[in-house]
Amino acid sequence: MAPLRYRRTSVRTALGITAEEKRIKRELGITALLRPFRWWGNEKRKVKRELGYYSPEAKFARHELPRSMGKIMFLALVIFGVPLMLGWLLNSAMQPAPAEQPTARTTSLPEAHVNK
């Protein structure tokens, strides 16, 4: 079963005009004449394929992951900041209020040590 197409077929392709133009160019030798000019693009595609540029993981990294620094910072804030904030709020809500500390009394020195 062929994978689902995500692009609509053009009218020229549906009518067979594109295939006929390609056949005529092949018969006239235009395709063979222009072959050296396609070499560099074909070589780049081969190298990319060997390096895994077209692998599902690389496609995911190129198309799905955020590319701007603002989006990355926001994502990091949401992933790390929200759980930390919730933990802090829950922790502070669960702790009992601190009891009041007695105030320190000032004691006077004994009479013997007071300089007269």
PDB file of N, CA and C in Angstrom:
ATOM      1  N   MET A   1       0.841  -1.173   0.000  1.00  0.00           N
ATOM      2  CA  MET A   1       0.000   0.000   0.000  1.00  0.00           C
ATOM      3  C   MET A   1       0.894   1.246   0.000  1.00  0.00           C
ATOM      4  N   ALA A   2       0.587   2.169  -0.868  1.00  0.00           N
ATOM      5  CA  ALA A   2       1.377   3.395  -0.979  1.00  0.00           C
ATOM      6  C   ALA A   2       1.064   4.317   0.190  1.00  0.00           C
ATOM      7  N   PRO A   3       2.069   5.068   0.654  1.00  0.00           N
ATOM      8  CA  PRO A   3       1.789   6.012   1.745  1.00  0.00           C
ATOM      9  C   PRO A   3       0.835   7.107   1.271  1.00  0.00           C
ATOM     10  N   LEU A   4       0.140   7.684   2.205  1.00  0.00           N
ATOM     11  CA  LEU A   4      -0.808   8.741   1.869  1.00  0.00           C
ATOM     12  C   LEU A   4      -0.081   9.950   1.297  1.00  0.00           C
ATOM     13  N   ARG A   5      -0.654  10.526   0.251  1.00  0.00           N
ATOM     14  CA  ARG A   5      -0.073  11.731  -0.326  1.00  0.00           C
ATOM     15  C   ARG A   5      -0.538  12.924   0.484  1.00  0.00           C
ATOM     16  N   TYR A   6       0.358  13.853   0.686  1.00  0.00           N
ATOM     17  CA  TYR A   6      -0.010  15.062   1.407  1.00  0.00           C
ATOM     18  C   TYR A   6      -0.103  16.243   0.462  1.00  0.00           C
ATOM     19  N   ARG A   7       0.248  16.036  -0.808  1.00  0.00           N
ATOM     20  CA  ARG A   7       0.137  17.101  -1.794  1.00  0.00           C
ATOM     21  C   ARG A   7      -0.838  16.668  -2.880  1.00  0.00           C
ATOM     22  N   ARG A   8      -1.605  17.611  -3.342  1.00  0.00           N
ATOM     23  CA  ARG A   8      -2.564  17.334  -4.396  1.00  0.00           C
ATOM     24  C   ARG A   8      -1.825  17.236  -5.733  1.00  0.00           C
ATOM     25  N   THR A   9      -2.219  16.303  -6.576  1.00  0.00           N
ATOM     26  CA  THR A   9      -1.617  16.150  -7.894  1.00  0.00           C
ATOM     27  C   THR A   9      -1.987  17.350  -8.750  1.00  0.00           C
ATOM     28  N   SER A  10      -0.979  17.862  -9.478  1.00  0.00           N
ATOM     29  CA  SER A  10      -1.244  19.024 -10.319  1.00  0.00           C
ATOM     30  C   SER A  10      -2.048  18.608 -11.550  1.00  0.00           C
ATOM     31  N   VAL A  11      -2.669  19.580 -12.187  1.00  0.00           N
ATOM     32  CA  VAL A  11      -3.469  19.326 -13.383  1.00  0.00           C
ATOM     33  C   VAL A  11      -2.560  18.822 -14.508  1.00  0.00           C
ATOM     34  N   ARG A  12      -1.363  19.400 -14.637  1.00  0.00           N
ATOM     35  CA  ARG A  12      -0.424  18.984 -15.687  1.00  0.00           C
ATOM     36  C   ARG A  12      -0.035  17.513 -15.525  1.00  0.00           C
ATOM     37  N   THR A  13       0.189  17.090 -14.281  1.00  0.00           N
ATOM     38  CA  THR A  13       0.542  15.697 -14.049  1.00  0.00           C
ATOM     39  C   THR A  13      -0.648  14.791 -14.324  1.00  0.00           C
ATOM     40  N   ALA A  14      -1.826  15.204 -13.883  1.00  0.00           N
ATOM     41  CA  ALA A  14      -3.027  14.398 -14.095  1.00  0.00           C
ATOM     42  C   ALA A  14      -3.333  14.227 -15.583  1.00  0.00           C
ATOM     43  N   LEU A  15      -3.052  15.243 -16.392  1.00  0.00           N
ATOM     44  CA  LEU A  15      -3.307  15.164 -17.833  1.00  0.00           C
ATOM     45  C   LEU A  15      -2.175  14.468 -18.586  1.00  0.00           C
ATOM     46  N   GLY A  16      -1.052  14.213 -17.923  1.00  0.00           N
ATOM     47  CA  GLY A  16       0.061  13.534 -18.556  1.00  0.00           C
ATOM     48  C   GLY A  16       1.012  14.451 -19.302  1.00  0.00           C
ATOM     49  N   ILE A  17       0.872  15.753 -19.138  1.00  0.00           N
ATOM     50  CA  ILE A  17       1.717  16.716 -19.846  1.00  0.00           C
ATOM     51  C   ILE A  17       3.157  16.623 -19.354  1.00  0.00           C
ATOM     52  N   THR A  18       3.346  16.499 -18.038  1.00  0.00           N
ATOM     53  CA  THR A  18       4.683  16.446 -17.463  1.00  0.00           C
ATOM     54  C   THR A  18       5.439  15.217 -17.958  1.00  0.00           C
ATOM     55  N   ALA A  19       4.791  14.062 -17.956  1.00  0.00           N
ATOM     56  CA  ALA A  19       5.437  12.827 -18.418  1.00  0.00           C
ATOM     57  C   ALA A  19       5.815  12.935 -19.890  1.00  0.00           C
ATOM     58  N   GLU A  20       4.969  13.547 -20.699  1.00  0.00           N
ATOM     59  CA  GLU A  20       5.254  13.707 -22.121  1.00  0.00           C
ATOM     60  C   GLU A  20       6.450  14.646 -22.341  1.00  0.00           C
ATOM     61  N   GLU A  21       6.525  15.729 -21.555  1.00  0.00           N
ATOM     62  CA  GLU A  21       7.671  16.639 -21.669  1.00  0.00           C
ATOM     63  C   GLU A  21       8.972  15.931 -21.297  1.00  0.00           C
ATOM     64  N   LYS A  22       8.928  15.113 -20.259  1.00  0.00           N
ATOM     65  CA  LYS A  22      10.133  14.377 -19.852  1.00  0.00           C
ATOM     66  C   LYS A  22      10.540  13.381 -20.936  1.00  0.00           C
ATOM     67  N   ARG A  23       9.588  12.717 -21.550  1.00  0.00           N
ATOM     68  CA  ARG A  23       9.892  11.748 -22.610  1.00  0.00           C
ATOM     69  C   ARG A  23      10.553  12.440 -23.793  1.00  0.00           C
ATOM     70  N   ILE A  24      10.023  13.594 -24.176  1.00  0.00           N
ATOM     71  CA  ILE A  24      10.582  14.343 -25.302  1.00  0.00           C
ATOM     72  C   ILE A  24      12.003  14.808 -24.980  1.00  0.00           C
ATOM     73  N   LYS A  25      12.236  15.319 -23.788  1.00  0.00           N
ATOM     74  CA  LYS A  25      13.579  15.773 -23.408  1.00  0.00           C
ATOM     75  C   LYS A  25      14.570  14.613 -23.417  1.00  0.00           C
ATOM     76  N   ARG A  26      14.137  13.424 -22.943  1.00  0.00           N
ATOM     77  CA  ARG A  26      15.017  12.254 -22.976  1.00  0.00           C
ATOM     78  C   ARG A  26      15.357  11.867 -24.412  1.00  0.00           C
ATOM     79  N   GLU A  27      14.353  11.879 -25.304  1.00  0.00           N
ATOM     80  CA  GLU A  27      14.584  11.506 -26.701  1.00  0.00           C
ATOM     81  C   GLU A  27      15.521  12.484 -27.404  1.00  0.00           C
ATOM     82  N   LEU A  28      15.411  13.767 -27.066  1.00  0.00           N
ATOM     83  CA  LEU A  28      16.263  14.767 -27.705  1.00  0.00           C
ATOM     84  C   LEU A  28      17.665  14.830 -27.099  1.00  0.00           C
ATOM     85  N   GLY A  29      17.883  14.183 -25.945  1.00  0.00           N
ATOM     86  CA  GLY A  29      19.191  14.172 -25.311  1.00  0.00           C
ATOM     87  C   GLY A  29      19.433  15.349 -24.382  1.00  0.00           C
ATOM     88  N   ILE A  30      18.398  16.111 -24.089  1.00  0.00           N
ATOM     89  CA  ILE A  30      18.553  17.277 -23.210  1.00  0.00           C
ATOM     90  C   ILE A  30      18.881  16.821 -21.785  1.00  0.00           C
ATOM     91  N   THR A  31      18.249  15.740 -21.359  1.00  0.00           N
ATOM     92  CA  THR A  31      18.489  15.236 -20.007  1.00  0.00           C
ATOM     93  C   THR A  31      19.953  14.812 -19.845  1.00  0.00           C
ATOM     94  N   ALA A  32      20.484  14.097 -20.838  1.00  0.00           N
ATOM     95  CA  ALA A  32      21.881  13.657 -20.780  1.00  0.00           C
ATOM     96  C   ALA A  32      22.829  14.851 -20.847  1.00  0.00           C
ATOM     97  N   LEU A  33      22.448  15.856 -21.592  1.00  0.00           N
ATOM     98  CA  LEU A  33      23.284  17.041 -21.719  1.00  0.00           C
ATOM     99  C   LEU A  33      23.378  17.812 -20.395  1.00  0.00           C
ATOM    100  N   LEU A  34      22.295  17.835 -19.648  1.00  0.00           N
ATOM    101  CA  LEU A  34      22.257  18.584 -18.388  1.00  0.00           C
ATOM    102  C   LEU A  34      22.690  17.746 -17.177  1.00  0.00           C
ATOM    103  N   ARG A  35      23.005  16.477 -17.405  1.00  0.00           N
ATOM    104  CA  ARG A  35      23.361  15.593 -16.297  1.00  0.00           C
ATOM    105  C   ARG A  35      24.533  16.106 -15.461  1.00  0.00           C
ATOM    106  N   PRO A  36      25.609  16.638 -16.036  1.00  0.00           N
ATOM    107  CA  PRO A  36      26.720  17.121 -15.197  1.00  0.00           C
ATOM    108  C   PRO A  36      26.333  18.247 -14.247  1.00  0.00           C
ATOM    109  N   PHE A  37      25.327  18.995 -14.583  1.00  0.00           N
ATOM    110  CA  PHE A  37      24.916  20.101 -13.717  1.00  0.00           C
ATOM    111  C   PHE A  37      24.121  19.635 -12.502  1.00  0.00           C
ATOM    112  N   ARG A  38      23.648  18.382 -12.545  1.00  0.00           N
ATOM    113  CA  ARG A  38      22.922  17.826 -11.399  1.00  0.00           C
ATOM    114  C   ARG A  38      23.834  17.057 -10.459  1.00  0.00           C
ATOM    115  N   TRP A  39      25.107  16.892 -10.846  1.00  0.00           N
ATOM    116  CA  TRP A  39      26.024  16.068 -10.074  1.00  0.00           C
ATOM    117  C   TRP A  39      26.170  16.568  -8.643  1.00  0.00           C
ATOM    118  N   TRP A  40      26.405  17.870  -8.450  1.00  0.00           N
ATOM    119  CA  TRP A  40      26.670  18.402  -7.116  1.00  0.00           C
ATOM    120  C   TRP A  40      25.470  18.195  -6.182  1.00  0.00           C
ATOM    121  N   GLY A  41      24.279  18.464  -6.655  1.00  0.00           N
ATOM    122  CA  GLY A  41      23.090  18.265  -5.819  1.00  0.00           C
ATOM    123  C   GLY A  41      22.883  16.807  -5.453  1.00  0.00           C
ATOM    124  N   ASN A  42      23.160  15.907  -6.403  1.00  0.00           N
ATOM    125  CA  ASN A  42      23.040  14.470  -6.118  1.00  0.00           C
ATOM    126  C   ASN A  42      24.075  14.031  -5.092  1.00  0.00           C
ATOM    127  N   GLU A  43      25.292  14.549  -5.196  1.00  0.00           N
ATOM    128  CA  GLU A  43      26.330  14.197  -4.228  1.00  0.00           C
ATOM    129  C   GLU A  43      25.976  14.694  -2.825  1.00  0.00           C
ATOM    130  N   LYS A  44      25.461  15.910  -2.738  1.00  0.00           N
ATOM    131  CA  LYS A  44      25.058  16.430  -1.419  1.00  0.00           C
ATOM    132  C   LYS A  44      23.979  15.541  -0.811  1.00  0.00           C
ATOM    133  N   ARG A  45      23.025  15.108  -1.636  1.00  0.00           N
ATOM    134  CA  ARG A  45      21.947  14.257  -1.130  1.00  0.00           C
ATOM    135  C   ARG A  45      22.496  12.916  -0.656  1.00  0.00           C
ATOM    136  N   LYS A  46      23.475  12.357  -1.372  1.00  0.00           N
ATOM    137  CA  LYS A  46      24.087  11.087  -0.952  1.00  0.00           C
ATOM    138  C   LYS A  46      24.778  11.230   0.401  1.00  0.00           C
ATOM    139  N   VAL A  47      25.539  12.301   0.558  1.00  0.00           N
ATOM    140  CA  VAL A  47      26.251  12.523   1.816  1.00  0.00           C
ATOM    141  C   VAL A  47      25.264  12.697   2.963  1.00  0.00           C
ATOM    142  N   LYS A  48      24.216  13.471   2.728  1.00  0.00           N
ATOM    143  CA  LYS A  48      23.206  13.673   3.780  1.00  0.00           C
ATOM    144  C   LYS A  48      22.551  12.351   4.159  1.00  0.00           C
ATOM    145  N   ARG A  49      22.264  11.519   3.164  1.00  0.00           N
ATOM    146  CA  ARG A  49      21.634  10.229   3.440  1.00  0.00           C
ATOM    147  C   ARG A  49      22.564   9.344   4.263  1.00  0.00           C
ATOM    148  N   GLU A  50      23.867   9.341   3.929  1.00  0.00           N
ATOM    149  CA  GLU A  50      24.824   8.530   4.675  1.00  0.00           C
ATOM    150  C   GLU A  50      24.999   9.024   6.112  1.00  0.00           C
ATOM    151  N   LEU A  51      24.908  10.331   6.315  1.00  0.00           N
ATOM    152  CA  LEU A  51      25.078  10.888   7.652  1.00  0.00           C
ATOM    153  C   LEU A  51      23.809  10.801   8.499  1.00  0.00           C
ATOM    154  N   GLY A  52      22.701  10.378   7.906  1.00  0.00           N
ATOM    155  CA  GLY A  52      21.455  10.231   8.667  1.00  0.00           C
ATOM    156  C   GLY A  52      20.604  11.475   8.712  1.00  0.00           C
ATOM    157  N   TYR A  53      20.810  12.393   7.760  1.00  0.00           N
ATOM    158  CA  TYR A  53      20.047  13.644   7.744  1.00  0.00           C
ATOM    159  C   TYR A  53      18.563  13.387   7.520  1.00  0.00           C
ATOM    160  N   TYR A  54      18.239  12.320   6.803  1.00  0.00           N
ATOM    161  CA  TYR A  54      16.851  12.010   6.493  1.00  0.00           C
ATOM    162  C   TYR A  54      16.253  10.981   7.443  1.00  0.00           C
ATOM    163  N   SER A  55      16.959  10.633   8.519  1.00  0.00           N
ATOM    164  CA  SER A  55      16.444   9.658   9.471  1.00  0.00           C
ATOM    165  C   SER A  55      15.271  10.267  10.249  1.00  0.00           C
ATOM    166  N   PRO A  56      14.391   9.446  10.808  1.00  0.00           N
ATOM    167  CA  PRO A  56      13.245   9.975  11.561  1.00  0.00           C
ATOM    168  C   PRO A  56      13.658  10.861  12.737  1.00  0.00           C
ATOM    169  N   GLU A  57      14.771  10.511  13.405  1.00  0.00           N
ATOM    170  CA  GLU A  57      15.214  11.313  14.546  1.00  0.00           C
ATOM    171  C   GLU A  57      15.666  12.700  14.099  1.00  0.00           C
ATOM    172  N   ALA A  58      16.423  12.743  12.990  1.00  0.00           N
ATOM    173  CA  ALA A  58      16.904  14.035  12.498  1.00  0.00           C
ATOM    174  C   ALA A  58      15.754  14.890  11.988  1.00  0.00           C
ATOM    175  N   LYS A  59      14.779  14.246  11.332  1.00  0.00           N
ATOM    176  CA  LYS A  59      13.614  15.000  10.859  1.00  0.00           C
ATOM    177  C   LYS A  59      12.838  15.572  12.045  1.00  0.00           C
ATOM    178  N   PHE A  60      12.709  14.770  13.110  1.00  0.00           N
ATOM    179  CA  PHE A  60      12.022  15.254  14.307  1.00  0.00           C
ATOM    180  C   PHE A  60      12.745  16.466  14.888  1.00  0.00           C
ATOM    181  N   ALA A  61      14.080  16.365  14.960  1.00  0.00           N
ATOM    182  CA  ALA A  61      14.863  17.472  15.524  1.00  0.00           C
ATOM    183  C   ALA A  61      14.745  18.730  14.660  1.00  0.00           C
ATOM    184  N   ARG A  62      14.679  18.565  13.348  1.00  0.00           N
ATOM    185  CA  ARG A  62      14.606  19.732  12.462  1.00  0.00           C
ATOM    186  C   ARG A  62      13.228  20.356  12.429  1.00  0.00           C
ATOM    187  N   HIS A  63      12.180  19.542  12.491  1.00  0.00           N
ATOM    188  CA  HIS A  63      10.841  20.067  12.249  1.00  0.00           C
ATOM    189  C   HIS A  63       9.973  20.233  13.482  1.00  0.00           C
ATOM    190  N   GLU A  64      10.176  19.410  14.501  1.00  0.00           N
ATOM    191  CA  GLU A  64       9.266  19.430  15.644  1.00  0.00           C
ATOM    192  C   GLU A  64       9.803  20.214  16.836  1.00  0.00           C
ATOM    193  N   LEU A  65      11.096  20.104  17.111  1.00  0.00           N
ATOM    194  CA  LEU A  65      11.646  20.787  18.272  1.00  0.00           C
ATOM    195  C   LEU A  65      11.681  22.292  18.048  1.00  0.00           C
ATOM    196  N   PRO A  66      11.489  23.077  19.104  1.00  0.00           N
ATOM    197  CA  PRO A  66      11.543  24.539  18.931  1.00  0.00           C
ATOM    198  C   PRO A  66      12.941  25.003  18.572  1.00  0.00           C
ATOM    199  N   ARG A  67      13.016  26.028  17.711  1.00  0.00           N
ATOM    200  CA  ARG A  67      14.311  26.502  17.250  1.00  0.00           C
ATOM    201  C   ARG A  67      14.695  27.840  17.859  1.00  0.00           C
ATOM    202  N   SER A  68      13.759  28.632  18.297  1.00  0.00           N
ATOM    203  CA  SER A  68      14.138  29.934  18.845  1.00  0.00           C
ATOM    204  C   SER A  68      14.476  29.788  20.324  1.00  0.00           C
ATOM    205  N   MET A  69      15.387  30.618  20.787  1.00  0.00           N
ATOM    206  CA  MET A  69      15.850  30.542  22.175  1.00  0.00           C
ATOM    207  C   MET A  69      14.717  30.874  23.146  1.00  0.00           C
ATOM    208  N   GLY A  70      13.824  31.772  22.777  1.00  0.00           N
ATOM    209  CA  GLY A  70      12.700  32.114  23.647  1.00  0.00           C
ATOM    210  C   GLY A  70      11.800  30.922  23.901  1.00  0.00           C
ATOM    211  N   LYS A  71      11.540  30.140  22.850  1.00  0.00           N
ATOM    212  CA  LYS A  71      10.698  28.952  23.010  1.00  0.00           C
ATOM    213  C   LYS A  71      11.392  27.910  23.877  1.00  0.00           C
ATOM    214  N   ILE A  72      12.705  27.766  23.695  1.00  0.00           N
ATOM    215  CA  ILE A  72      13.451  26.796  24.490  1.00  0.00           C
ATOM    216  C   ILE A  72      13.455  27.205  25.961  1.00  0.00           C
ATOM    217  N   MET A  73      13.649  28.498  26.234  1.00  0.00           N
ATOM    218  CA  MET A  73      13.649  28.977  27.620  1.00  0.00           C
ATOM    219  C   MET A  73      12.272  28.798  28.254  1.00  0.00           C
ATOM    220  N   PHE A  74      11.213  29.085  27.495  1.00  0.00           N
ATOM    221  CA  PHE A  74       9.856  28.908  28.011  1.00  0.00           C
ATOM    222  C   PHE A  74       9.600  27.441  28.320  1.00  0.00           C
ATOM    223  N   LEU A  75      10.033  26.556  27.419  1.00  0.00           N
ATOM    224  CA  LEU A  75       9.851  25.129  27.631  1.00  0.00           C
ATOM    225  C   LEU A  75      10.605  24.659  28.870  1.00  0.00           C
ATOM    226  N   ALA A  76      11.838  25.154  29.061  1.00  0.00           N
ATOM    227  CA  ALA A  76      12.619  24.784  30.244  1.00  0.00           C
ATOM    228  C   ALA A  76      11.946  25.311  31.513  1.00  0.00           C
ATOM    229  N   LEU A  77      11.406  26.518  31.440  1.00  0.00           N
ATOM    230  CA  LEU A  77      10.709  27.089  32.591  1.00  0.00           C
ATOM    231  C   LEU A  77       9.500  26.246  32.962  1.00  0.00           C
ATOM    232  N   VAL A  78       8.748  25.830  31.962  1.00  0.00           N
ATOM    233  CA  VAL A  78       7.563  25.019  32.232  1.00  0.00           C
ATOM    234  C   VAL A  78       7.966  23.658  32.790  1.00  0.00           C
ATOM    235  N   ILE A  79       8.979  23.035  32.198  1.00  0.00           N
ATOM    236  CA  ILE A  79       9.373  21.690  32.619  1.00  0.00           C
ATOM    237  C   ILE A  79       9.982  21.695  34.018  1.00  0.00           C
ATOM    238  N   PHE A  80      10.831  22.682  34.315  1.00  0.00           N
ATOM    239  CA  PHE A  80      11.526  22.689  35.598  1.00  0.00           C
ATOM    240  C   PHE A  80      10.883  23.622  36.622  1.00  0.00           C
ATOM    241  N   GLY A  81      10.364  24.750  36.180  1.00  0.00           N
ATOM    242  CA  GLY A  81       9.869  25.754  37.111  1.00  0.00           C
ATOM    243  C   GLY A  81       8.542  25.411  37.751  1.00  0.00           C
ATOM    244  N   VAL A  82       7.612  24.893  36.975  1.00  0.00           N
ATOM    245  CA  VAL A  82       6.283  24.602  37.518  1.00  0.00           C
ATOM    246  C   VAL A  82       6.344  23.529  38.604  1.00  0.00           C
ATOM    247  N   PRO A  83       7.022  22.390  38.387  1.00  0.00           N
ATOM    248  CA  PRO A  83       7.090  21.409  39.488  1.00  0.00           C
ATOM    249  C   PRO A  83       7.786  21.954  40.739  1.00  0.00           C
ATOM    250  N   LEU A  84       8.839  22.756  40.547  1.00  0.00           N
ATOM    251  CA  LEU A  84       9.512  23.337  41.708  1.00  0.00           C
ATOM    252  C   LEU A  84       8.588  24.282  42.468  1.00  0.00           C
ATOM    253  N   MET A  85       7.846  25.100  41.720  1.00  0.00           N
ATOM    254  CA  MET A  85       6.937  26.039  42.353  1.00  0.00           C
ATOM    255  C   MET A  85       5.821  25.296  43.105  1.00  0.00           C
ATOM    256  N   LEU A  86       5.276  24.263  42.468  1.00  0.00           N
ATOM    257  CA  LEU A  86       4.215  23.499  43.129  1.00  0.00           C
ATOM    258  C   LEU A  86       4.737  22.800  44.383  1.00  0.00           C
ATOM    259  N   GLY A  87       5.939  22.243  44.311  1.00  0.00           N
ATOM    260  CA  GLY A  87       6.524  21.606  45.495  1.00  0.00           C
ATOM    261  C   GLY A  87       6.735  22.598  46.611  1.00  0.00           C
ATOM    262  N   TRP A  88       7.217  23.786  46.279  1.00  0.00           N
ATOM    263  CA  TRP A  88       7.435  24.810  47.290  1.00  0.00           C
ATOM    264  C   TRP A  88       6.120  25.235  47.926  1.00  0.00           C
ATOM    265  N   LEU A  89       5.090  25.435  47.094  1.00  0.00           N
ATOM    266  CA  LEU A  89       3.785  25.846  47.624  1.00  0.00           C
ATOM    267  C   LEU A  89       3.181  24.765  48.514  1.00  0.00           C
ATOM    268  N   LEU A  90       3.243  23.519  48.069  1.00  0.00           N
ATOM    269  CA  LEU A  90       2.683  22.431  48.872  1.00  0.00           C
ATOM    270  C   LEU A  90       3.473  22.243  50.166  1.00  0.00           C
ATOM    271  N   ASN A  91       4.770  22.384  50.097  1.00  0.00           N
ATOM    272  CA  ASN A  91       5.613  22.222  51.271  1.00  0.00           C
ATOM    273  C   ASN A  91       5.327  23.323  52.285  1.00  0.00           C
ATOM    274  N   SER A  92       5.175  24.550  51.815  1.00  0.00           N
ATOM    275  CA  SER A  92       4.915  25.645  52.749  1.00  0.00           C
ATOM    276  C   SER A  92       3.494  25.576  53.296  1.00  0.00           C
ATOM    277  N   ALA A  93       2.557  25.020  52.558  1.00  0.00           N
ATOM    278  CA  ALA A  93       1.184  24.893  53.044  1.00  0.00           C
ATOM    279  C   ALA A  93       1.065  23.789  54.094  1.00  0.00           C
ATOM    280  N   MET A  94       1.895  22.771  53.999  1.00  0.00           N
ATOM    281  CA  MET A  94       1.820  21.646  54.919  1.00  0.00           C
ATOM    282  C   MET A  94       2.506  21.929  56.252  1.00  0.00           C
ATOM    283  N   GLN A  95       3.479  22.814  56.292  1.00  0.00           N
ATOM    284  CA  GLN A  95       4.200  23.085  57.522  1.00  0.00           C
ATOM    285  C   GLN A  95       3.339  23.938  58.454  1.00  0.00           C
ATOM    286  N   PRO A  96       3.354  23.594  59.757  1.00  0.00           N
ATOM    287  CA  PRO A  96       2.592  24.426  60.696  1.00  0.00           C
ATOM    288  C   PRO A  96       3.278  25.788  60.853  1.00  0.00           C
ATOM    289  N   ALA A  97       2.484  26.744  61.245  1.00  0.00           N
ATOM    290  CA  ALA A  97       3.032  28.080  61.458  1.00  0.00           C
ATOM    291  C   ALA A  97       4.022  28.028  62.618  1.00  0.00           C
ATOM    292  N   PRO A  98       5.137  28.729  62.515  1.00  0.00           N
ATOM    293  CA  PRO A  98       6.130  28.681  63.604  1.00  0.00           C
ATOM    294  C   PRO A  98       5.555  29.316  64.870  1.00  0.00           C
ATOM    295  N   ALA A  99       5.864  28.669  66.016  1.00  0.00           N
ATOM    296  CA  ALA A  99       5.416  29.202  67.302  1.00  0.00           C
ATOM    297  C   ALA A  99       6.199  30.470  67.605  1.00  0.00           C
ATOM    298  N   GLU A 100       5.554  31.355  68.378  1.00  0.00           N
ATOM    299  CA  GLU A 100       6.232  32.609  68.709  1.00  0.00           C
ATOM    300  C   GLU A 100       7.371  32.335  69.660  1.00  0.00           C
ATOM    301  N   GLN A 101       8.478  32.951  69.386  1.00  0.00           N
ATOM    302  CA  GLN A 101       9.658  32.800  70.228  1.00  0.00           C
ATOM    303  C   GLN A 101       9.521  33.761  71.417  1.00  0.00           C
ATOM    304  N   PRO A 102       9.863  33.296  72.638  1.00  0.00           N
ATOM    305  CA  PRO A 102       9.812  34.225  73.776  1.00  0.00           C
ATOM    306  C   PRO A 102      10.889  35.288  73.596  1.00  0.00           C
ATOM    307  N   THR A 103      10.538  36.484  73.970  1.00  0.00           N
ATOM    308  CA  THR A 103      11.500  37.578  73.837  1.00  0.00           C
ATOM    309  C   THR A 103      12.570  37.434  74.911  1.00  0.00           C
ATOM    310  N   ALA A 104      13.775  37.802  74.587  1.00  0.00           N
ATOM    311  CA  ALA A 104      14.896  37.689  75.538  1.00  0.00           C
ATOM    312  C   ALA A 104      14.748  38.769  76.600  1.00  0.00           C
ATOM    313  N   ARG A 105      14.888  38.368  77.863  1.00  0.00           N
ATOM    314  CA  ARG A 105      14.801  39.336  78.961  1.00  0.00           C
ATOM    315  C   ARG A 105      16.172  39.936  79.187  1.00  0.00           C
ATOM    316  N   THR A 106      16.145  41.169  79.503  1.00  0.00           N
ATOM    317  CA  THR A 106      17.417  41.801  79.846  1.00  0.00           C
ATOM    318  C   THR A 106      17.643  41.606  81.333  1.00  0.00           C
ATOM    319  N   THR A 107      18.760  41.043  81.634  1.00  0.00           N
ATOM    320  CA  THR A 107      19.083  40.812  83.048  1.00  0.00           C
ATOM    321  C   THR A 107      20.116  41.844  83.469  1.00  0.00           C
ATOM    322  N   SER A 108      19.961  42.294  84.672  1.00  0.00           N
ATOM    323  CA  SER A 108      20.933  43.254  85.162  1.00  0.00           C
ATOM    324  C   SER A 108      22.093  42.526  85.788  1.00  0.00           C
ATOM    325  N   LEU A 109      23.216  43.128  85.724  1.00  0.00           N
ATOM    326  CA  LEU A 109      24.398  42.508  86.320  1.00  0.00           C
ATOM    327  C   LEU A 109      24.270  42.517  87.844  1.00  0.00           C
ATOM    328  N   PRO A 110      24.876  41.552  88.471  1.00  0.00           N
ATOM    329  CA  PRO A 110      24.815  41.560  89.935  1.00  0.00           C
ATOM    330  C   PRO A 110      25.498  42.817  90.474  1.00  0.00           C
ATOM    331  N   GLU A 111      25.100  43.179  91.637  1.00  0.00           N
ATOM    332  CA  GLU A 111      25.590  44.417  92.249  1.00  0.00           C
ATOM    333  C   GLU A 111      27.093  44.414  92.443  1.00  0.00           C
ATOM    334  N   ALA A 112      27.658  43.258  92.632  1.00  0.00           N
ATOM    335  CA  ALA A 112      29.098  43.218  92.920  1.00  0.00           C
ATOM    336  C   ALA A 112      29.921  43.609  91.712  1.00  0.00           C
ATOM    337  N   HIS A 113      29.404  43.385  90.550  1.00  0.00           N
ATOM    338  CA  HIS A 113      30.175  43.688  89.355  1.00  0.00           C
ATOM    339  C   HIS A 113      29.929  45.086  88.797  1.00  0.00           C
ATOM    340  N   VAL A 114      29.058  45.764  89.348  1.00  0.00           N
ATOM    341  CA  VAL A 114      28.766  47.113  88.836  1.00  0.00           C
ATOM    342  C   VAL A 114      29.849  48.055  89.345  1.00  0.00           C
ATOM    343  N   ASN A 115      30.421  48.811  88.495  1.00  0.00           N
ATOM    344  CA  ASN A 115      31.440  49.802  88.880  1.00  0.00           C
ATOM    345  C   ASN A 115      30.762  51.003  89.517  1.00  0.00           C
ATOM    346  N   LYS A 116      31.292  51.391  90.632  1.00  0.00           N
ATOM    347  CA  LYS A 116      30.693  52.529  91.326  1.00  0.00           C
ATOM    348  C   LYS A 116      31.594  53.691  91.290  1.00  0.00           C
TER     349      LYS A 116
END
